[in-house]
C-alpha atoms as a PDB file:
ATOM      1  CA  MET A   1    -239.690 -90.078  -2.859  1.00  0.00           C
ATOM      2  CA  GLY A   2    -242.631 -92.360  -1.196  1.00  0.00           C
ATOM      3  CA  TYR A   3    -241.930 -94.621  -4.198  1.00  0.00           C
ATOM      4  CA  LEU A   4    -238.276 -95.326  -2.814  1.00  0.00           C
ATOM      5  CA  SER A   5    -239.438 -95.461   0.667  1.00  0.00           C
ATOM      6  CA  THR A   6    -241.840 -98.071  -0.367  1.00  0.00           C
ATOM      7  CA  LYS A   7    -239.572-100.179  -2.213  1.00  0.00           C
ATOM      8  CA  VAL A   8    -237.162-100.477   0.972  1.00  0.00           C
ATOM      9  CA  LEU A   9    -240.042-100.944   3.397  1.00  0.00           C
ATOM     10  CA  LEU A  10    -241.065-103.976   0.619  1.00  0.00           C
ATOM     11  CA  ASN A  11    -237.599-105.464   1.060  1.00  0.00           C
ATOM     12  CA  GLU A  12    -237.979-104.913   4.940  1.00  0.00           C
ATOM     13  CA  TYR A  13    -241.198-106.738   5.215  1.00  0.00           C
ATOM     14  CA  PHE A  14    -240.883-109.911   2.301  1.00  0.00           C
ATOM     15  CA  LYS A  15    -237.423-110.553   2.028  1.00  0.00           C
ATOM     16  CA  ARG A  16    -238.227-113.616   0.748  1.00  0.00           C
ATOM     17  CA  SER A  17    -240.593-112.844  -1.462  1.00  0.00           C
ATOM     18  CA  TYR A  18    -239.580-109.309  -2.685  1.00  0.00           C
ATOM     19  CA  VAL A  19    -239.910-109.367  -6.441  1.00  0.00           C
ATOM     20  CA  LEU A  20    -243.549-110.985  -6.032  1.00  0.00           C
ATOM     21  CA  MET A  21    -244.337-108.287  -3.694  1.00  0.00           C
ATOM     22  CA  ALA A  22    -242.694-105.677  -5.799  1.00  0.00           C
ATOM     23  CA  ALA A  23    -244.743-106.783  -9.108  1.00  0.00           C
ATOM     24  CA  VAL A  24    -247.959-106.736  -7.444  1.00  0.00           C
ATOM     25  CA  THR A  25    -247.367-102.653  -6.058  1.00  0.00           C
ATOM     26  CA  ASN A  26    -246.438-102.065  -9.782  1.00  0.00           C
ATOM     27  CA  LEU A  27    -250.127-103.553 -11.039  1.00  0.00           C
ATOM     28  CA  GLY A  28    -251.110 -99.889  -9.771  1.00  0.00           C
ATOM     29  CA  SER A  29    -248.789 -97.611 -12.713  1.00  0.00           C
ATOM     30  CA  THR A  30    -250.495-100.026 -15.186  1.00  0.00           C
ATOM     31  CA  THR A  31    -253.855 -99.147 -14.270  1.00  0.00           C
ATOM     32  CA  GLY A  32    -253.165 -95.716 -14.248  1.00  0.00           C
ATOM     33  CA  ALA A  33    -251.675 -95.773 -17.885  1.00  0.00           C
ATOM     34  CA  PHE A  34    -255.078 -97.547 -19.099  1.00  0.00           C
ATOM     35  CA  ILE A  35    -257.376 -95.358 -17.246  1.00  0.00           C
ATOM     36  CA  ALA A  36    -255.508 -92.050 -17.598  1.00  0.00           C
ATOM     37  CA  PRO A  37    -255.415 -91.489 -21.414  1.00  0.00           C
ATOM     38  CA  PHE A  38    -259.543 -91.844 -21.563  1.00  0.00           C
ATOM     39  CA  VAL A  39    -260.020 -89.775 -18.061  1.00  0.00           C
ATOM     40  CA  ILE A  40    -257.734 -86.923 -19.765  1.00  0.00           C
ATOM     41  CA  GLU A  41    -259.341 -86.614 -23.159  1.00  0.00           C
ATOM     42  CA  ARG A  42    -262.914 -86.793 -21.318  1.00  0.00           C
ATOM     43  CA  SER A  43    -261.678 -83.921 -18.970  1.00  0.00           C
ATOM     44  CA  LEU A  44    -259.857 -81.778 -21.783  1.00  0.00           C
ATOM     45  CA  GLU A  45    -263.098 -81.769 -23.471  1.00  0.00           C
ATOM     46  CA  ALA A  46    -265.090 -81.042 -20.583  1.00  0.00           C
ATOM     47  CA  TYR A  47    -263.270 -78.905 -18.258  1.00  0.00           C
ATOM     48  CA  GLY A  48    -260.176 -77.662 -20.407  1.00  0.00           C
ATOM     49  CA  TYR A  49    -256.512 -77.664 -20.275  1.00  0.00           C
ATOM     50  CA  ILE A  50    -257.066 -75.869 -16.202  1.00  0.00           C
ATOM     51  CA  GLY A  51    -259.529 -78.455 -15.272  1.00  0.00           C
ATOM     52  CA  ALA A  52    -258.006 -81.958 -16.495  1.00  0.00           C
ATOM     53  CA  MET A  53    -254.200 -80.417 -14.714  1.00  0.00           C
ATOM     54  CA  LEU A  54    -256.849 -80.172 -11.662  1.00  0.00           C
ATOM     55  CA  ILE A  55    -258.179 -83.357 -12.064  1.00  0.00           C
ATOM     56  CA  LEU A  56    -254.556 -85.362 -11.990  1.00  0.00           C
ATOM     57  CA  ALA A  57    -253.474 -83.332  -9.291  1.00  0.00           C
ATOM     58  CA  ALA A  58    -256.402 -84.839  -7.107  1.00  0.00           C
ATOM     59  CA  PHE A  59    -255.080 -88.136  -8.247  1.00  0.00           C
ATOM     60  CA  SER A  60    -251.833 -87.393  -6.877  1.00  0.00           C
ATOM     61  CA  LEU A  61    -253.168 -85.975  -3.529  1.00  0.00           C
ATOM     62  CA  HIS A  62    -254.654 -89.932  -3.087  1.00  0.00           C
ATOM     63  CA  ALA A  63    -250.509 -90.275  -2.034  1.00  0.00           C
ATOM     64  CA  ILE A  64    -250.470 -88.385   0.568  1.00  0.00           C
ATOM     65  CA  PRO A  65    -252.552 -90.480   2.820  1.00  0.00           C
ATOM     66  CA  ALA A  66    -250.889 -94.053   1.715  1.00  0.00           C
ATOM     67  CA  SER A  67    -247.705 -92.560   2.528  1.00  0.00           C
ATOM     68  CA  ALA A  68    -248.558 -91.604   5.851  1.00  0.00           C
ATOM     69  CA  THR A  69    -249.820 -95.627   6.348  1.00  0.00           C
ATOM     70  CA  LEU A  70    -245.967 -96.648   5.757  1.00  0.00           C
ATOM     71  CA  ARG A  71    -244.331 -98.079   8.671  1.00  0.00           C
ATOM     72  CA  LYS A  72    -241.166 -99.647   9.726  1.00  0.00           C
ATOM     73  CA  PRO A  73    -241.652-103.792  10.667  1.00  0.00           C
ATOM     74  CA  ARG A  74    -242.319-104.098  14.442  1.00  0.00           C
ATOM     75  CA  ASP A  75    -240.591-107.453  14.694  1.00  0.00           C
ATOM     76  CA  ARG A  76    -237.298-106.461  13.091  1.00  0.00           C
ATOM     77  CA  PRO A  77    -234.977-104.089  14.919  1.00  0.00           C
ATOM     78  CA  SER A  78    -233.671-101.155  12.424  1.00  0.00           C
ATOM     79  CA  LYS A  79    -230.915-101.707  10.846  1.00  0.00           C
ATOM     80  CA  PRO A  80    -227.130-100.285  12.059  1.00  0.00           C
ATOM     81  CA  SER A  81    -225.600 -98.043  10.238  1.00  0.00           C
ATOM     82  CA  MET A  82    -223.040 -99.413   8.079  1.00  0.00           C
ATOM     83  CA  LYS A  83    -219.889 -98.533   9.348  1.00  0.00           C
ATOM     84  CA  LYS A  84    -216.364 -98.192   7.641  1.00  0.00           C
ATOM     85  CA  LYS A  85    -213.682-100.863   8.180  1.00  0.00           C
ATOM     86  CA  ASN A  86    -210.957 -98.596   8.365  1.00  0.00           C
ATOM     87  CA  ASP A  87    -209.232 -96.871  11.165  1.00  0.00           C
ATOM     88  CA  HIS A  88    -207.636 -94.371   9.481  1.00  0.00           C
ATOM     89  CA  GLU A  89    -210.983 -91.960   9.461  1.00  0.00           C
ATOM     90  CA  ALA A  90    -209.113 -89.933  11.832  1.00  0.00           C
ATOM     91  CA  THR A  91    -206.405 -88.908   9.689  1.00  0.00           C
ATOM     92  CA  GLY A  92    -206.431 -86.769   6.829  1.00  0.00           C
ATOM     93  CA  SER A  93    -205.209 -82.646   6.322  1.00  0.00           C
ATOM     94  CA  ASP A  94    -207.283 -81.586   9.290  1.00  0.00           C
ATOM     95  CA  GLU A  95    -205.680 -84.536  11.363  1.00  0.00           C
ATOM     96  CA  LYS A  96    -204.821 -83.354  15.053  1.00  0.00           C
ATOM     97  CA  LEU A  97    -202.091 -85.401  17.093  1.00  0.00           C
ATOM     98  CA  VAL A  98    -203.196 -84.457  20.813  1.00  0.00           C
ATOM     99  CA  ARG A  99    -201.306 -85.612  23.926  1.00  0.00           C
ATOM    100  CA  GLU A 100    -201.653 -84.535  27.347  1.00  0.00           C
ATOM    101  CA  GLU A 101    -199.308 -82.565  29.304  1.00  0.00           C
ATOM    102  CA  GLY A 102    -200.797 -82.276  32.747  1.00  0.00           C
ATOM    103  CA  ASP A 103    -204.047 -80.114  32.127  1.00  0.00           C
ATOM    104  CA  GLU A 104    -203.104 -78.901  28.629  1.00  0.00           C
ATOM    105  CA  TYR A 105    -203.861 -80.466  25.266  1.00  0.00           C
ATOM    106  CA  ILE A 106    -200.724 -79.393  22.784  1.00  0.00           C
ATOM    107  CA  SER A 107    -202.449 -80.261  18.682  1.00  0.00           C
ATOM    108  CA  LYS A 108    -200.795 -80.385  15.961  1.00  0.00           C
ATOM    109  CA  GLU A 109    -202.112 -80.378  12.144  1.00  0.00           C
ATOM    110  CA  GLU A 110    -199.886 -82.762   9.728  1.00  0.00           C
ATOM    111  CA  PRO A 111    -199.815 -82.278   6.205  1.00  0.00           C
ATOM    112  CA  GLU A 112    -201.823 -85.029   3.753  1.00  0.00           C
ATOM    113  CA  SER A 113    -198.943 -86.233   2.147  1.00  0.00           C
ATOM    114  CA  SER A 114    -199.291 -87.967  -1.930  1.00  0.00           C
ATOM    115  CA  THR A 115    -199.207 -91.940  -0.138  1.00  0.00           C
ATOM    116  CA  ARG A 116    -201.892 -90.869   2.212  1.00  0.00           C
ATOM    117  CA  CYS A 117    -204.073 -89.893  -0.447  1.00  0.00           C
ATOM    118  CA  ILE A 118    -203.711 -92.956  -2.544  1.00  0.00           C
ATOM    119  CA  THR A 119    -204.642 -94.913   0.827  1.00  0.00           C
ATOM    120  CA  LYS A 120    -207.731 -92.416   1.102  1.00  0.00           C
ATOM    121  CA  ILE A 121    -208.249 -93.486  -2.551  1.00  0.00           C
ATOM    122  CA  LYS A 122    -207.963 -97.098  -2.708  1.00  0.00           C
ATOM    123  CA  GLU A 123    -210.293 -97.325   1.174  1.00  0.00           C
ATOM    124  CA  TRP A 124    -212.844 -95.407  -1.183  1.00  0.00           C
ATOM    125  CA  LEU A 125    -212.951 -98.062  -3.761  1.00  0.00           C
ATOM    126  CA  LYS A 126    -212.802-100.791  -1.707  1.00  0.00           C
ATOM    127  CA  ASP A 127    -216.206 -99.204  -0.076  1.00  0.00           C
ATOM    128  CA  CYS A 128    -218.312 -97.929  -3.168  1.00  0.00           C
ATOM    129  CA  ILE A 129    -221.079 -99.963  -4.052  1.00  0.00           C
ATOM    130  CA  PHE A 130    -220.340-100.190  -7.499  1.00  0.00           C
ATOM    131  CA  ILE A 131    -216.877-102.056  -6.731  1.00  0.00           C
ATOM    132  CA  ARG A 132    -218.274-104.359  -3.747  1.00  0.00           C
ATOM    133  CA  GLU A 133    -221.635-104.855  -5.761  1.00  0.00           C
ATOM    134  CA  PRO A 134    -219.881-105.537  -9.263  1.00  0.00           C
ATOM    135  CA  LEU A 135    -223.758-107.613 -10.294  1.00  0.00           C
ATOM    136  CA  PHE A 136    -224.948-104.227  -9.509  1.00  0.00           C
ATOM    137  CA  THR A 137    -223.279-102.189 -11.726  1.00  0.00           C
ATOM    138  CA  MET A 138    -224.012-104.473 -14.398  1.00  0.00           C
ATOM    139  CA  THR A 139    -228.135-104.147 -14.297  1.00  0.00           C
ATOM    140  CA  LEU A 140    -227.588 -99.971 -14.572  1.00  0.00           C
ATOM    141  CA  PRO A 141    -227.162-100.336 -17.957  1.00  0.00           C
ATOM    142  CA  CYS A 142    -230.155-102.455 -18.187  1.00  0.00           C
ATOM    143  CA  LEU A 143    -232.402-100.249 -15.563  1.00  0.00           C
ATOM    144  CA  PHE A 144    -231.471 -97.010 -17.746  1.00  0.00           C
ATOM    145  CA  PHE A 145    -232.348 -98.062 -20.811  1.00  0.00           C
ATOM    146  CA  THR A 146    -235.638-100.145 -20.114  1.00  0.00           C
ATOM    147  CA  LEU A 147    -236.731 -96.666 -18.434  1.00  0.00           C
ATOM    148  CA  ALA A 148    -236.035 -94.896 -21.740  1.00  0.00           C
ATOM    149  CA  CYS A 149    -237.696 -97.484 -23.889  1.00  0.00           C
ATOM    150  CA  LEU A 150    -240.864 -97.401 -21.458  1.00  0.00           C
ATOM    151  CA  ASN A 151    -241.145 -93.735 -21.654  1.00  0.00           C
ATOM    152  CA  ALA A 152    -240.202 -92.997 -24.855  1.00  0.00           C
ATOM    153  CA  TRP A 153    -242.900 -95.618 -26.146  1.00  0.00           C
ATOM    154  CA  VAL A 154    -245.980 -94.185 -23.595  1.00  0.00           C
ATOM    155  CA  LEU A 155    -244.734 -91.018 -25.019  1.00  0.00           C
ATOM    156  CA  PHE A 156    -244.927 -91.345 -28.667  1.00  0.00           C
ATOM    157  CA  LEU A 157    -247.859 -94.166 -29.041  1.00  0.00           C
ATOM    158  CA  VAL A 158    -250.934 -91.707 -29.827  1.00  0.00           C
ATOM    159  CA  PRO A 159    -248.793 -89.268 -31.521  1.00  0.00           C
ATOM    160  CA  ARG A 160    -247.612 -92.103 -34.159  1.00  0.00           C
ATOM    161  CA  ALA A 161    -250.906 -93.158 -34.315  1.00  0.00           C
ATOM    162  CA  GLU A 162    -252.038 -89.464 -35.119  1.00  0.00           C
ATOM    163  CA  TRP A 163    -248.825 -89.382 -37.690  1.00  0.00           C
ATOM    164  CA  HIS A 164    -250.641 -91.984 -39.609  1.00  0.00           C
ATOM    165  CA  GLY A 165    -253.131 -90.038 -40.105  1.00  0.00           C
ATOM    166  CA  ILE A 166    -255.757 -91.924 -37.046  1.00  0.00           C
ATOM    167  CA  PRO A 167    -258.263 -89.461 -35.815  1.00  0.00           C
ATOM    168  CA  SER A 168    -257.259 -88.212 -32.028  1.00  0.00           C
ATOM    169  CA  SER A 169    -260.818 -89.773 -30.838  1.00  0.00           C
ATOM    170  CA  LYS A 170    -259.734 -92.824 -32.041  1.00  0.00           C
ATOM    171  CA  ALA A 171    -255.929 -92.700 -31.328  1.00  0.00           C
ATOM    172  CA  VAL A 172    -256.523 -92.420 -27.965  1.00  0.00           C
ATOM    173  CA  PHE A 173    -257.696 -96.049 -27.832  1.00  0.00           C
ATOM    174  CA  VAL A 174    -254.072 -97.214 -28.911  1.00  0.00           C
ATOM    175  CA  SER A 175    -252.931 -96.226 -25.845  1.00  0.00           C
ATOM    176  CA  THR A 176    -255.725 -97.982 -23.845  1.00  0.00           C
ATOM    177  CA  ALA A 177    -254.950-101.125 -25.689  1.00  0.00           C
ATOM    178  CA  GLY A 178    -251.346-100.840 -24.623  1.00  0.00           C
ATOM    179  CA  GLY A 179    -252.170-100.249 -20.689  1.00  0.00           C
ATOM    180  CA  ALA A 180    -254.841-102.933 -21.000  1.00  0.00           C
ATOM    181  CA  GLY A 181    -251.944-105.058 -22.528  1.00  0.00           C
ATOM    182  CA  GLY A 182    -250.016-104.152 -19.330  1.00  0.00           C
ATOM    183  CA  ILE A 183    -252.418-105.302 -17.049  1.00  0.00           C
ATOM    184  CA  VAL A 184    -252.783-108.641 -18.637  1.00  0.00           C
ATOM    185  CA  GLY A 185    -249.156-109.218 -18.929  1.00  0.00           C
ATOM    186  CA  ARG A 186    -248.771-108.019 -15.405  1.00  0.00           C
ATOM    187  CA  VAL A 187    -251.106-110.448 -14.143  1.00  0.00           C
ATOM    188  CA  PHE A 188    -249.827-113.144 -16.232  1.00  0.00           C
ATOM    189  CA  PHE A 189    -246.267-112.318 -14.879  1.00  0.00           C
ATOM    190  CA  ILE A 190    -246.957-112.268 -11.350  1.00  0.00           C
ATOM    191  CA  ALA A 191    -248.642-115.950 -11.778  1.00  0.00           C
ATOM    192  CA  LEU A 192    -245.463-116.787 -13.285  1.00  0.00           C
ATOM    193  CA  LEU A 193    -243.565-115.529 -10.485  1.00  0.00           C
ATOM    194  CA  TYR A 194    -246.286-116.741  -8.047  1.00  0.00           C
ATOM    195  CA  PHE A 195    -245.370-120.458  -9.414  1.00  0.00           C
ATOM    196  CA  GLY A 196    -241.487-119.978  -8.969  1.00  0.00           C
ATOM    197  CA  ALA A 197    -240.476-118.750 -12.564  1.00  0.00           C
ATOM    198  CA  ASN A 198    -236.830-116.709 -12.739  1.00  0.00           C
ATOM    199  CA  PRO A 199    -237.646-112.958 -13.500  1.00  0.00           C
ATOM    200  CA  ILE A 200    -234.173-112.538 -15.177  1.00  0.00           C
ATOM    201  CA  VAL A 201    -235.398-115.748 -17.185  1.00  0.00           C
ATOM    202  CA  LEU A 202    -238.872-113.808 -17.917  1.00  0.00           C
ATOM    203  CA  SER A 203    -237.444-110.676 -18.895  1.00  0.00           C
ATOM    204  CA  CYS A 204    -234.826-111.902 -21.856  1.00  0.00           C
ATOM    205  CA  VAL A 205    -238.049-113.832 -23.059  1.00  0.00           C
ATOM    206  CA  PHE A 206    -240.003-110.162 -23.107  1.00  0.00           C
ATOM    207  CA  PHE A 207    -236.859-108.269 -24.373  1.00  0.00           C
ATOM    208  CA  MET A 208    -236.930-110.515 -27.322  1.00  0.00           C
ATOM    209  CA  MET A 209    -240.706-110.315 -27.561  1.00  0.00           C
ATOM    210  CA  SER A 210    -240.234-106.013 -27.651  1.00  0.00           C
ATOM    211  CA  ALA A 211    -237.614-105.934 -29.737  1.00  0.00           C
ATOM    212  CA  VAL A 212    -239.644-107.826 -32.839  1.00  0.00           C
ATOM    213  CA  THR A 213    -242.624-105.925 -32.301  1.00  0.00           C
ATOM    214  CA  PHE A 214    -241.213-102.475 -32.406  1.00  0.00           C
ATOM    215  CA  LEU A 215    -238.663-103.415 -35.026  1.00  0.00           C
ATOM    216  CA  ALA A 216    -241.292-104.726 -37.098  1.00  0.00           C
ATOM    217  CA  ASP A 217    -242.955-100.817 -36.778  1.00  0.00           C
ATOM    218  CA  PRO A 218    -242.543 -99.754 -40.465  1.00  0.00           C
ATOM    219  CA  PHE A 219    -245.334-102.854 -41.626  1.00  0.00           C
ATOM    220  CA  ILE A 220    -247.794-101.562 -38.766  1.00  0.00           C
ATOM    221  CA  THR A 221    -250.213 -99.067 -40.128  1.00  0.00           C
ATOM    222  CA  THR A 222    -253.414 -99.461 -39.808  1.00  0.00           C
ATOM    223  CA  PHE A 223    -255.768 -98.586 -36.769  1.00  0.00           C
ATOM    224  CA  PRO A 224    -256.828-102.523 -35.796  1.00  0.00           C
ATOM    225  CA  VAL A 225    -252.960-103.435 -36.340  1.00  0.00           C
ATOM    226  CA  MET A 226    -251.608-100.833 -34.387  1.00  0.00           C
ATOM    227  CA  CYS A 227    -254.353-102.009 -31.423  1.00  0.00           C
ATOM    228  CA  VAL A 228    -253.360-105.529 -31.455  1.00  0.00           C
ATOM    229  CA  VAL A 229    -249.335-104.633 -31.235  1.00  0.00           C
ATOM    230  CA  ALA A 230    -249.544-102.054 -28.982  1.00  0.00           C
ATOM    231  CA  PHE A 231    -251.598-104.353 -26.517  1.00  0.00           C
ATOM    232  CA  ILE A 232    -248.601-107.412 -27.174  1.00  0.00           C
ATOM    233  CA  GLN A 233    -246.359-104.205 -26.530  1.00  0.00           C
ATOM    234  CA  GLY A 234    -247.803-103.080 -23.423  1.00  0.00           C
ATOM    235  CA  TRP A 235    -248.160-106.798 -22.186  1.00  0.00           C
ATOM    236  CA  SER A 236    -244.011-107.231 -22.754  1.00  0.00           C
ATOM    237  CA  VAL A 237    -242.991-103.556 -22.380  1.00  0.00           C
ATOM    238  CA  PHE A 238    -244.537-103.577 -18.629  1.00  0.00           C
ATOM    239  CA  SER A 239    -243.213-107.047 -18.108  1.00  0.00           C
ATOM    240  CA  CYS A 240    -239.870-106.014 -18.786  1.00  0.00           C
ATOM    241  CA  ASN A 241    -240.377-103.290 -16.237  1.00  0.00           C
ATOM    242  CA  LEU A 242    -241.628-105.501 -13.553  1.00  0.00           C
ATOM    243  CA  ALA A 243    -238.752-107.681 -13.774  1.00  0.00           C
ATOM    244  CA  LEU A 244    -236.023-105.145 -12.835  1.00  0.00           C
ATOM    245  CA  SER A 245    -236.772-105.641  -9.110  1.00  0.00           C
ATOM    246  CA  GLY A 246    -235.393-109.115  -9.673  1.00  0.00           C
ATOM    247  CA  TYR A 247    -232.266-107.570 -10.854  1.00  0.00           C
ATOM    248  CA  LEU A 248    -232.163-104.959  -7.597  1.00  0.00           C
ATOM    249  CA  LYS A 249    -232.912-107.926  -5.185  1.00  0.00           C
ATOM    250  CA  TYR A 250    -230.699-110.718  -6.453  1.00  0.00           C
ATOM    251  CA  SER A 251    -227.453-108.424  -7.373  1.00  0.00           C
ATOM    252  CA  VAL A 252    -227.027-106.919  -3.989  1.00  0.00           C
ATOM    253  CA  SER A 253    -226.663-108.016  -0.255  1.00  0.00           C
ATOM    254  CA  ASP A 254    -229.476-107.343   2.250  1.00  0.00           C
ATOM    255  CA  GLU A 255    -226.968-104.531   3.849  1.00  0.00           C
ATOM    256  CA  ASN A 256    -226.871-102.680   0.638  1.00  0.00           C
ATOM    257  CA  PHE A 257    -230.364-102.780  -0.196  1.00  0.00           C
ATOM    258  CA  THR A 258    -231.379 -99.251   0.883  1.00  0.00           C
ATOM    259  CA  MET A 259    -228.088 -97.477  -1.133  1.00  0.00           C
ATOM    260  CA  ALA A 260    -229.007 -99.675  -4.466  1.00  0.00           C
ATOM    261  CA  ALA A 261    -232.474 -98.799  -4.423  1.00  0.00           C
ATOM    262  CA  GLY A 262    -231.723 -95.050  -3.732  1.00  0.00           C
ATOM    263  CA  ILE A 263    -228.979 -95.337  -6.856  1.00  0.00           C
ATOM    264  CA  ASP A 264    -231.788 -97.121  -8.937  1.00  0.00           C
ATOM    265  CA  GLY A 265    -234.448 -94.539  -8.490  1.00  0.00           C
ATOM    266  CA  LEU A 266    -231.818 -92.113  -9.775  1.00  0.00           C
ATOM    267  CA  VAL A 267    -231.088 -94.439 -12.894  1.00  0.00           C
ATOM    268  CA  SER A 268    -234.590 -94.955 -13.345  1.00  0.00           C
ATOM    269  CA  GLY A 269    -235.003 -91.309 -13.226  1.00  0.00           C
ATOM    270  CA  LEU A 270    -232.418 -90.025 -15.740  1.00  0.00           C
ATOM    271  CA  GLY A 271    -233.753 -93.085 -17.998  1.00  0.00           C
ATOM    272  CA  ARG A 272    -237.264 -92.021 -18.158  1.00  0.00           C
ATOM    273  CA  MET A 273    -235.988 -88.279 -19.024  1.00  0.00           C
ATOM    274  CA  SER A 274    -233.585 -89.610 -21.543  1.00  0.00           C
ATOM    275  CA  GLY A 275    -236.161 -91.605 -23.531  1.00  0.00           C
ATOM    276  CA  GLY A 276    -238.434 -88.804 -24.084  1.00  0.00           C
ATOM    277  CA  PHE A 277    -235.674 -86.625 -24.980  1.00  0.00           C
ATOM    278  CA  LEU A 278    -233.926 -88.963 -27.676  1.00  0.00           C
ATOM    279  CA  GLY A 279    -237.303 -90.233 -28.825  1.00  0.00           C
ATOM    280  CA  GLY A 280    -237.925 -86.329 -29.598  1.00  0.00           C
ATOM    281  CA  LEU A 281    -234.402 -85.477 -30.736  1.00  0.00           C
ATOM    282  CA  ILE A 282    -234.830 -88.056 -32.986  1.00  0.00           C
ATOM    283  CA  LYS A 283    -238.389 -87.463 -34.223  1.00  0.00           C
ATOM    284  CA  ASP A 284    -236.905 -83.994 -35.055  1.00  0.00           C
ATOM    285  CA  ALA A 285    -234.133 -85.133 -37.119  1.00  0.00           C
ATOM    286  CA  THR A 286    -236.213 -87.524 -39.816  1.00  0.00           C
ATOM    287  CA  GLN A 287    -239.349 -86.402 -39.346  1.00  0.00           C
ATOM    288  CA  SER A 288    -240.691 -90.118 -38.567  1.00  0.00           C
ATOM    289  CA  PHE A 289    -242.098 -91.648 -35.758  1.00  0.00           C
ATOM    290  CA  THR A 290    -241.092 -95.064 -37.328  1.00  0.00           C
ATOM    291  CA  THR A 291    -237.145 -94.394 -36.773  1.00  0.00           C
ATOM    292  CA  VAL A 292    -238.255 -93.770 -33.444  1.00  0.00           C
ATOM    293  CA  PHE A 293    -240.176 -97.048 -32.760  1.00  0.00           C
ATOM    294  CA  VAL A 294    -237.212 -99.104 -34.592  1.00  0.00           C
ATOM    295  CA  GLY A 295    -234.469 -96.904 -32.580  1.00  0.00           C
ATOM    296  CA  ILE A 296    -236.771 -98.253 -29.196  1.00  0.00           C
ATOM    297  CA  GLY A 297    -236.749-101.487 -30.492  1.00  0.00           C
ATOM    298  CA  PHE A 298    -232.638-102.111 -31.309  1.00  0.00           C
ATOM    299  CA  GLY A 299    -232.819-100.799 -27.194  1.00  0.00           C
ATOM    300  CA  PHE A 300    -234.311-103.780 -26.554  1.00  0.00           C
ATOM    301  CA  CYS A 301    -231.776-105.755 -28.485  1.00  0.00           C
ATOM    302  CA  PHE A 302    -229.308-104.455 -26.382  1.00  0.00           C
ATOM    303  CA  LEU A 303    -231.220-105.149 -23.253  1.00  0.00           C
ATOM    304  CA  GLU A 304    -231.448-108.713 -24.531  1.00  0.00           C
ATOM    305  CA  VAL A 305    -228.027-108.822 -24.626  1.00  0.00           C
ATOM    306  CA  ASN A 306    -227.531-107.052 -20.984  1.00  0.00           C
ATOM    307  CA  ALA A 307    -230.189-109.734 -19.580  1.00  0.00           C
ATOM    308  CA  LEU A 308    -227.955-112.408 -20.859  1.00  0.00           C
ATOM    309  CA  LEU A 309    -224.792-111.232 -19.846  1.00  0.00           C
ATOM    310  CA  PHE A 310    -226.306-110.613 -16.178  1.00  0.00           C
ATOM    311  CA  LEU A 311    -227.681-114.272 -16.070  1.00  0.00           C
ATOM    312  CA  LEU A 312    -224.679-115.877 -16.653  1.00  0.00           C
ATOM    313  CA  ALA A 313    -223.049-113.911 -14.494  1.00  0.00           C
ATOM    314  CA  LEU A 314    -225.633-114.233 -11.740  1.00  0.00           C
ATOM    315  CA  ARG A 315    -225.465-118.288 -11.931  1.00  0.00           C
ATOM    316  CA  ARG A 316    -221.692-118.503 -11.792  1.00  0.00           C
ATOM    317  CA  LYS A 317    -221.958-116.552  -8.536  1.00  0.00           C
ATOM    318  CA  GLN A 318    -224.619-118.627  -7.311  1.00  0.00           C
ATOM    319  CA  LYS A 319    -222.555-121.781  -8.389  1.00  0.00           C
ATOM    320  CA  LYS A 320    -219.220-120.171  -6.457  1.00  0.00           C
ATOM    321  CA  ARG A 321    -221.651-119.577  -3.593  1.00  0.00           C
ATOM    322  CA  ALA A 322    -222.686-123.229  -3.176  1.00  0.00           C
ATOM    323  CA  ASN A 323    -219.566-124.550  -3.897  1.00  0.00           C
ATOM    324  CA  ASP A 324    -217.786-122.607  -0.934  1.00  0.00           C
ATOM    325  CA  LEU A 325    -220.774-123.988   1.029  1.00  0.00           C
END
């Protein structure tokens, strides 16, 4: 809940540079991915499972004072609530026609006809954000599969190394290498955004990088190579995650941003849950982490196609808008 509120407030504060500011704020999650495996590994050795969970809970408590500092921008008035542009809100099965006769009011209920029901459906479709913002609808598969692939990679990175015979004390450093790649990649991504790079174009590049590294998984079996590849995957996968804020910003108007951000958060959560669940199903069915990582590679191939189609649709919309002006 706090994450979504932060995203909406970022758009209020930085309407012209939202993508850049969202990328800067997301550095925190990458830093956590870099530090958390080392902290948990050492905490489990020193304090056991319960102690390690208490330390994680203490980290989470830091979100409370951070959330308490969130404020609406003072120099901008609050957005008026969106009102449906129709004059038929009073109609329906419970509609009452009231007319005054002296001091008495006579009410009458009208049964809802099939025509009125069809009219209501048409009005709902007209006001539905998925119809009004078709570009946003195109971004949802990209959002879902990016988070699914990211979560599956994070979840199975260390178990995959152990499956190849790497001791657990060393396997944790594969995750650390991935987190380090994520930090470097995100800093590089932020620098490119600062100098005017298009986040959608960047996402196409990093989707392709991710697809290649995951599809090459059958050839990655030694510990040094695993660390190098994990670093590259962290670079590309976490950069893809940063690019998602660009999809959100470019696909919806400012008046629909809050609703779109809520749907964005819901789809993100579903993607994260599905990544671990589907990855576990594949591992149980095939008894192979290689199959899981190759499957993630095919997921990034799909994301590459989706990103290219979105980029074409976005440029077509921008060109049409320019011609109208």
